[in-house]
Amino acid sequence: MVSFCDKRSIACLGRIAGPQAPLWVCFVSLILLAGLLLAGPGIAHASEPPTLAQSEFFEAKIRPVLIEHCYQCHNSSTGAEGGLSVDDRKGMQKGGDRGVIFVPGQP
């Protein structure tokens, strides 16, 4: 039998529901999860423009590899295979049919 307590108190809800979480906890958790899911893509893709050193590194070390191994099939002029174009930064950030190829901060 449930003991008498103020129906509005959080402790009372916990005692009435037993080991299950009160309904408001589930509701708040759902709201927070929905907010993270909606904001997540914006947070993940928000990045600052590259610095001069980063641009120089890309041009010297990365672009030659892309040209040698990727550009023949993945360019916008010949119809980017798999929807992936390595022509420019925007195309690489967008990714292809299988998703993004680079994630900022993850090698």
N, C-alpha and C. Protein backbone atom coordinates (compact mmCIF):
# COMPACT_ATOMS: atom_id res chain seq x y z
N MET A 1 0.83 -1.18 0.00
CA MET A 1 0.00 0.00 0.00
C MET A 1 0.88 1.24 0.00
N VAL A 2 0.46 2.27 -0.72
CA VAL A 2 1.21 3.51 -0.85
C VAL A 2 0.99 4.35 0.39
N SER A 3 2.10 4.86 0.94
CA SER A 3 1.98 5.72 2.11
C SER A 3 1.53 7.10 1.69
N PHE A 4 0.94 7.84 2.64
CA PHE A 4 0.45 9.17 2.36
C PHE A 4 1.63 10.12 2.16
N CYS A 5 1.59 10.89 1.12
CA CYS A 5 2.58 11.94 0.91
C CYS A 5 2.00 12.98 -0.04
N ASP A 6 2.63 14.12 -0.09
CA ASP A 6 2.20 15.19 -0.97
C ASP A 6 2.38 14.74 -2.42
N LYS A 7 1.32 14.71 -3.18
CA LYS A 7 1.37 14.19 -4.55
C LYS A 7 2.25 15.04 -5.46
N ARG A 8 2.56 16.27 -5.06
CA ARG A 8 3.37 17.15 -5.90
C ARG A 8 4.87 17.00 -5.66
N SER A 9 5.27 16.36 -4.63
CA SER A 9 6.70 16.29 -4.32
C SER A 9 7.40 15.22 -5.16
N ILE A 10 8.64 15.50 -5.51
CA ILE A 10 9.42 14.56 -6.31
C ILE A 10 9.65 13.27 -5.55
N ALA A 11 9.93 13.38 -4.27
CA ALA A 11 10.16 12.18 -3.46
C ALA A 11 8.93 11.30 -3.45
N CYS A 12 7.77 11.91 -3.39
CA CYS A 12 6.52 11.15 -3.40
C CYS A 12 6.38 10.40 -4.72
N LEU A 13 6.68 11.07 -5.82
CA LEU A 13 6.57 10.40 -7.12
C LEU A 13 7.50 9.19 -7.18
N GLY A 14 8.70 9.35 -6.64
CA GLY A 14 9.64 8.24 -6.62
C GLY A 14 9.12 7.08 -5.79
N ARG A 15 8.49 7.37 -4.65
CA ARG A 15 7.96 6.30 -3.80
C ARG A 15 6.76 5.62 -4.44
N ILE A 16 5.92 6.39 -5.11
CA ILE A 16 4.73 5.81 -5.74
C ILE A 16 5.13 4.94 -6.93
N ALA A 17 6.07 5.43 -7.74
CA ALA A 17 6.48 4.69 -8.93
C ALA A 17 7.41 3.54 -8.62
N GLY A 18 7.94 3.52 -7.42
CA GLY A 18 8.88 2.47 -7.06
C GLY A 18 10.22 2.72 -7.73
N PRO A 19 10.87 1.66 -8.21
CA PRO A 19 12.20 1.83 -8.80
C PRO A 19 12.17 2.51 -10.17
N GLN A 20 11.00 2.66 -10.76
CA GLN A 20 10.91 3.30 -12.07
C GLN A 20 11.07 4.81 -11.92
N ALA A 21 11.62 5.43 -12.94
CA ALA A 21 11.80 6.88 -12.92
C ALA A 21 10.44 7.57 -13.06
N PRO A 22 10.29 8.71 -12.39
CA PRO A 22 9.05 9.47 -12.55
C PRO A 22 8.86 9.89 -14.00
N LEU A 23 7.64 10.11 -14.39
CA LEU A 23 7.31 10.47 -15.77
C LEU A 23 8.02 11.75 -16.20
N TRP A 24 8.15 12.72 -15.33
CA TRP A 24 8.78 13.99 -15.72
C TRP A 24 10.26 13.79 -16.05
N VAL A 25 10.93 12.83 -15.39
CA VAL A 25 12.33 12.56 -15.69
C VAL A 25 12.44 12.01 -17.12
N CYS A 26 11.55 11.12 -17.48
CA CYS A 26 11.55 10.57 -18.84
C CYS A 26 11.27 11.67 -19.86
N PHE A 27 10.33 12.54 -19.55
CA PHE A 27 9.96 13.63 -20.46
C PHE A 27 11.14 14.58 -20.67
N VAL A 28 11.79 15.00 -19.59
CA VAL A 28 12.94 15.91 -19.69
C VAL A 28 14.07 15.24 -20.46
N SER A 29 14.32 13.98 -20.20
CA SER A 29 15.38 13.26 -20.92
C SER A 29 15.08 13.20 -22.41
N LEU A 30 13.83 12.97 -22.76
CA LEU A 30 13.44 12.92 -24.16
C LEU A 30 13.63 14.27 -24.84
N ILE A 31 13.28 15.34 -24.15
CA ILE A 31 13.46 16.69 -24.70
C ILE A 31 14.95 16.98 -24.93
N LEU A 32 15.79 16.64 -23.94
CA LEU A 32 17.23 16.87 -24.08
C LEU A 32 17.82 16.05 -25.23
N LEU A 33 17.41 14.81 -25.34
CA LEU A 33 17.90 13.96 -26.42
C LEU A 33 17.49 14.51 -27.79
N ALA A 34 16.25 14.94 -27.90
CA ALA A 34 15.78 15.52 -29.17
C ALA A 34 16.58 16.77 -29.51
N GLY A 35 16.85 17.60 -28.51
CA GLY A 35 17.65 18.81 -28.74
C GLY A 35 19.04 18.49 -29.23
N LEU A 36 19.67 17.48 -28.63
CA LEU A 36 21.02 17.09 -29.05
C LEU A 36 21.01 16.53 -30.47
N LEU A 37 20.00 15.74 -30.79
CA LEU A 37 19.93 15.16 -32.13
C LEU A 37 19.71 16.23 -33.19
N LEU A 38 18.90 17.24 -32.86
CA LEU A 38 18.64 18.30 -33.83
C LEU A 38 19.83 19.25 -33.96
N ALA A 39 20.52 19.51 -32.86
CA ALA A 39 21.65 20.44 -32.88
C ALA A 39 22.95 19.75 -33.29
N GLY A 40 23.03 18.45 -33.15
CA GLY A 40 24.27 17.71 -33.41
C GLY A 40 24.89 17.95 -34.77
N PRO A 41 24.12 17.82 -35.87
CA PRO A 41 24.74 18.04 -37.18
C PRO A 41 25.30 19.45 -37.34
N GLY A 42 24.62 20.44 -36.80
CA GLY A 42 25.12 21.81 -36.86
C GLY A 42 26.39 21.99 -36.08
N ILE A 43 26.48 21.36 -34.94
CA ILE A 43 27.67 21.45 -34.11
C ILE A 43 28.83 20.73 -34.78
N ALA A 44 28.55 19.56 -35.34
CA ALA A 44 29.62 18.77 -35.95
C ALA A 44 30.21 19.44 -37.19
N HIS A 45 29.40 20.18 -37.94
CA HIS A 45 29.88 20.78 -39.17
C HIS A 45 30.32 22.22 -39.01
N ALA A 46 30.12 22.79 -37.83
CA ALA A 46 30.56 24.16 -37.61
C ALA A 46 32.07 24.16 -37.42
N SER A 47 32.76 24.75 -38.37
CA SER A 47 34.21 24.81 -38.25
C SER A 47 34.69 26.16 -38.77
N GLU A 48 35.81 26.57 -38.25
CA GLU A 48 36.41 27.83 -38.68
C GLU A 48 37.17 27.60 -39.97
N PRO A 49 37.36 28.66 -40.75
CA PRO A 49 38.17 28.51 -41.96
C PRO A 49 39.58 28.08 -41.59
N PRO A 50 40.25 27.36 -42.48
CA PRO A 50 41.60 26.89 -42.16
C PRO A 50 42.59 28.05 -42.04
N THR A 51 43.58 27.86 -41.21
CA THR A 51 44.64 28.85 -41.08
C THR A 51 45.56 28.75 -42.29
N LEU A 52 46.46 29.71 -42.42
CA LEU A 52 47.41 29.70 -43.53
C LEU A 52 48.29 28.45 -43.48
N ALA A 53 48.74 28.09 -42.28
CA ALA A 53 49.58 26.89 -42.12
C ALA A 53 48.81 25.62 -42.51
N GLN A 54 47.53 25.55 -42.13
CA GLN A 54 46.72 24.39 -42.49
C GLN A 54 46.52 24.31 -44.00
N SER A 55 46.28 25.46 -44.63
CA SER A 55 46.10 25.48 -46.09
C SER A 55 47.37 25.05 -46.81
N GLU A 56 48.50 25.54 -46.33
CA GLU A 56 49.78 25.17 -46.94
C GLU A 56 50.06 23.67 -46.78
N PHE A 57 49.75 23.14 -45.60
CA PHE A 57 49.94 21.71 -45.36
C PHE A 57 49.06 20.89 -46.31
N PHE A 58 47.80 21.32 -46.45
CA PHE A 58 46.87 20.61 -47.33
C PHE A 58 47.38 20.61 -48.76
N GLU A 59 47.80 21.77 -49.24
CA GLU A 59 48.26 21.88 -50.63
C GLU A 59 49.54 21.07 -50.87
N ALA A 60 50.41 21.01 -49.87
CA ALA A 60 51.69 20.31 -50.04
C ALA A 60 51.60 18.81 -49.82
N LYS A 61 50.78 18.37 -48.87
CA LYS A 61 50.77 16.96 -48.47
C LYS A 61 49.51 16.19 -48.87
N ILE A 62 48.36 16.83 -48.80
CA ILE A 62 47.09 16.11 -48.99
C ILE A 62 46.62 16.16 -50.44
N ARG A 63 46.57 17.37 -51.02
CA ARG A 63 46.05 17.49 -52.38
C ARG A 63 46.79 16.59 -53.38
N PRO A 64 48.12 16.48 -53.35
CA PRO A 64 48.79 15.57 -54.30
C PRO A 64 48.32 14.12 -54.18
N VAL A 65 48.04 13.67 -52.98
CA VAL A 65 47.55 12.30 -52.79
C VAL A 65 46.15 12.16 -53.38
N LEU A 66 45.29 13.16 -53.14
CA LEU A 66 43.94 13.12 -53.70
C LEU A 66 43.98 13.13 -55.22
N ILE A 67 44.83 13.95 -55.79
CA ILE A 67 44.94 14.02 -57.25
C ILE A 67 45.43 12.69 -57.82
N GLU A 68 46.41 12.10 -57.19
CA GLU A 68 46.98 10.85 -57.69
C GLU A 68 46.04 9.66 -57.53
N HIS A 69 45.32 9.59 -56.42
CA HIS A 69 44.55 8.38 -56.12
C HIS A 69 43.03 8.53 -56.19
N CYS A 70 42.50 9.75 -56.18
CA CYS A 70 41.05 9.92 -56.04
C CYS A 70 40.41 10.73 -57.16
N TYR A 71 41.11 11.75 -57.63
CA TYR A 71 40.50 12.74 -58.52
C TYR A 71 39.96 12.16 -59.82
N GLN A 72 40.58 11.14 -60.35
CA GLN A 72 40.16 10.58 -61.64
C GLN A 72 38.69 10.13 -61.60
N CYS A 73 38.25 9.55 -60.50
CA CYS A 73 36.87 9.05 -60.40
C CYS A 73 35.95 9.99 -59.61
N HIS A 74 36.51 10.79 -58.74
CA HIS A 74 35.70 11.61 -57.84
C HIS A 74 35.87 13.10 -58.12
N ASN A 75 35.43 13.52 -59.30
CA ASN A 75 35.45 14.94 -59.63
C ASN A 75 34.13 15.33 -60.25
N SER A 76 33.81 16.60 -60.18
CA SER A 76 32.50 17.05 -60.64
C SER A 76 32.39 17.09 -62.16
N SER A 77 33.48 17.19 -62.88
CA SER A 77 33.40 17.28 -64.34
C SER A 77 33.07 15.95 -65.00
N THR A 78 33.45 14.83 -64.40
CA THR A 78 33.14 13.52 -65.00
C THR A 78 32.01 12.80 -64.28
N GLY A 79 31.32 13.49 -63.40
CA GLY A 79 30.24 12.86 -62.64
C GLY A 79 30.80 12.10 -61.48
N ALA A 80 30.89 12.74 -60.36
CA ALA A 80 31.55 12.19 -59.18
C ALA A 80 30.99 10.82 -58.81
N GLU A 81 31.85 9.81 -58.89
CA GLU A 81 31.46 8.43 -58.57
C GLU A 81 31.05 8.35 -57.10
N GLY A 82 29.93 7.72 -56.84
CA GLY A 82 29.44 7.58 -55.47
C GLY A 82 28.98 8.90 -54.86
N GLY A 83 28.80 9.91 -55.71
CA GLY A 83 28.36 11.21 -55.21
C GLY A 83 29.45 12.00 -54.51
N LEU A 84 30.68 11.52 -54.53
CA LEU A 84 31.78 12.18 -53.83
C LEU A 84 32.64 12.96 -54.81
N SER A 85 32.80 14.24 -54.52
CA SER A 85 33.66 15.10 -55.32
C SER A 85 34.78 15.63 -54.45
N VAL A 86 36.02 15.45 -54.91
CA VAL A 86 37.17 15.97 -54.16
C VAL A 86 37.73 17.22 -54.83
N ASP A 87 36.90 17.90 -55.62
CA ASP A 87 37.32 19.12 -56.30
C ASP A 87 37.66 20.25 -55.33
N ASP A 88 36.88 20.38 -54.29
CA ASP A 88 37.07 21.50 -53.37
C ASP A 88 36.67 21.12 -51.95
N ARG A 89 36.90 22.03 -51.03
CA ARG A 89 36.61 21.81 -49.61
C ARG A 89 35.13 21.49 -49.37
N LYS A 90 34.26 22.23 -50.04
CA LYS A 90 32.82 22.03 -49.86
C LYS A 90 32.40 20.61 -50.26
N GLY A 91 32.92 20.13 -51.38
CA GLY A 91 32.58 18.79 -51.84
C GLY A 91 33.06 17.71 -50.89
N MET A 92 34.26 17.91 -50.33
CA MET A 92 34.79 16.91 -49.39
C MET A 92 34.05 16.95 -48.06
N GLN A 93 33.64 18.15 -47.62
CA GLN A 93 32.89 18.24 -46.37
C GLN A 93 31.50 17.64 -46.52
N LYS A 94 30.91 17.80 -47.70
CA LYS A 94 29.58 17.23 -47.95
C LYS A 94 29.63 15.71 -47.95
N GLY A 95 30.69 15.15 -48.51
CA GLY A 95 30.80 13.70 -48.59
C GLY A 95 30.06 13.16 -49.79
N GLY A 96 29.87 11.85 -49.79
CA GLY A 96 29.21 11.19 -50.91
C GLY A 96 28.01 10.39 -50.45
N ASP A 97 27.65 9.41 -51.23
CA ASP A 97 26.50 8.57 -50.92
C ASP A 97 26.66 7.80 -49.61
N ARG A 98 27.88 7.55 -49.21
CA ARG A 98 28.15 6.80 -47.97
C ARG A 98 28.43 7.70 -46.78
N GLY A 99 28.29 9.00 -46.95
CA GLY A 99 28.52 9.93 -45.85
C GLY A 99 29.78 10.74 -46.02
N VAL A 100 30.19 11.39 -44.94
CA VAL A 100 31.36 12.26 -44.98
C VAL A 100 32.64 11.44 -45.00
N ILE A 101 33.69 12.01 -45.57
CA ILE A 101 34.96 11.30 -45.62
C ILE A 101 35.95 11.84 -44.60
N PHE A 102 35.77 13.09 -44.19
CA PHE A 102 36.63 13.69 -43.18
C PHE A 102 35.77 14.24 -42.06
N VAL A 103 36.20 14.01 -40.83
CA VAL A 103 35.53 14.58 -39.67
C VAL A 103 36.52 15.50 -38.99
N PRO A 104 36.18 16.80 -38.85
CA PRO A 104 37.12 17.72 -38.23
C PRO A 104 37.58 17.23 -36.86
N GLY A 105 38.88 17.26 -36.65
CA GLY A 105 39.44 16.83 -35.37
C GLY A 105 39.72 15.34 -35.25
N GLN A 106 39.33 14.57 -36.28
CA GLN A 106 39.59 13.13 -36.25
C GLN A 106 40.41 12.75 -37.48
N PRO A 107 41.62 12.26 -37.26
CA PRO A 107 42.47 11.91 -38.40
C PRO A 107 41.95 10.71 -39.17
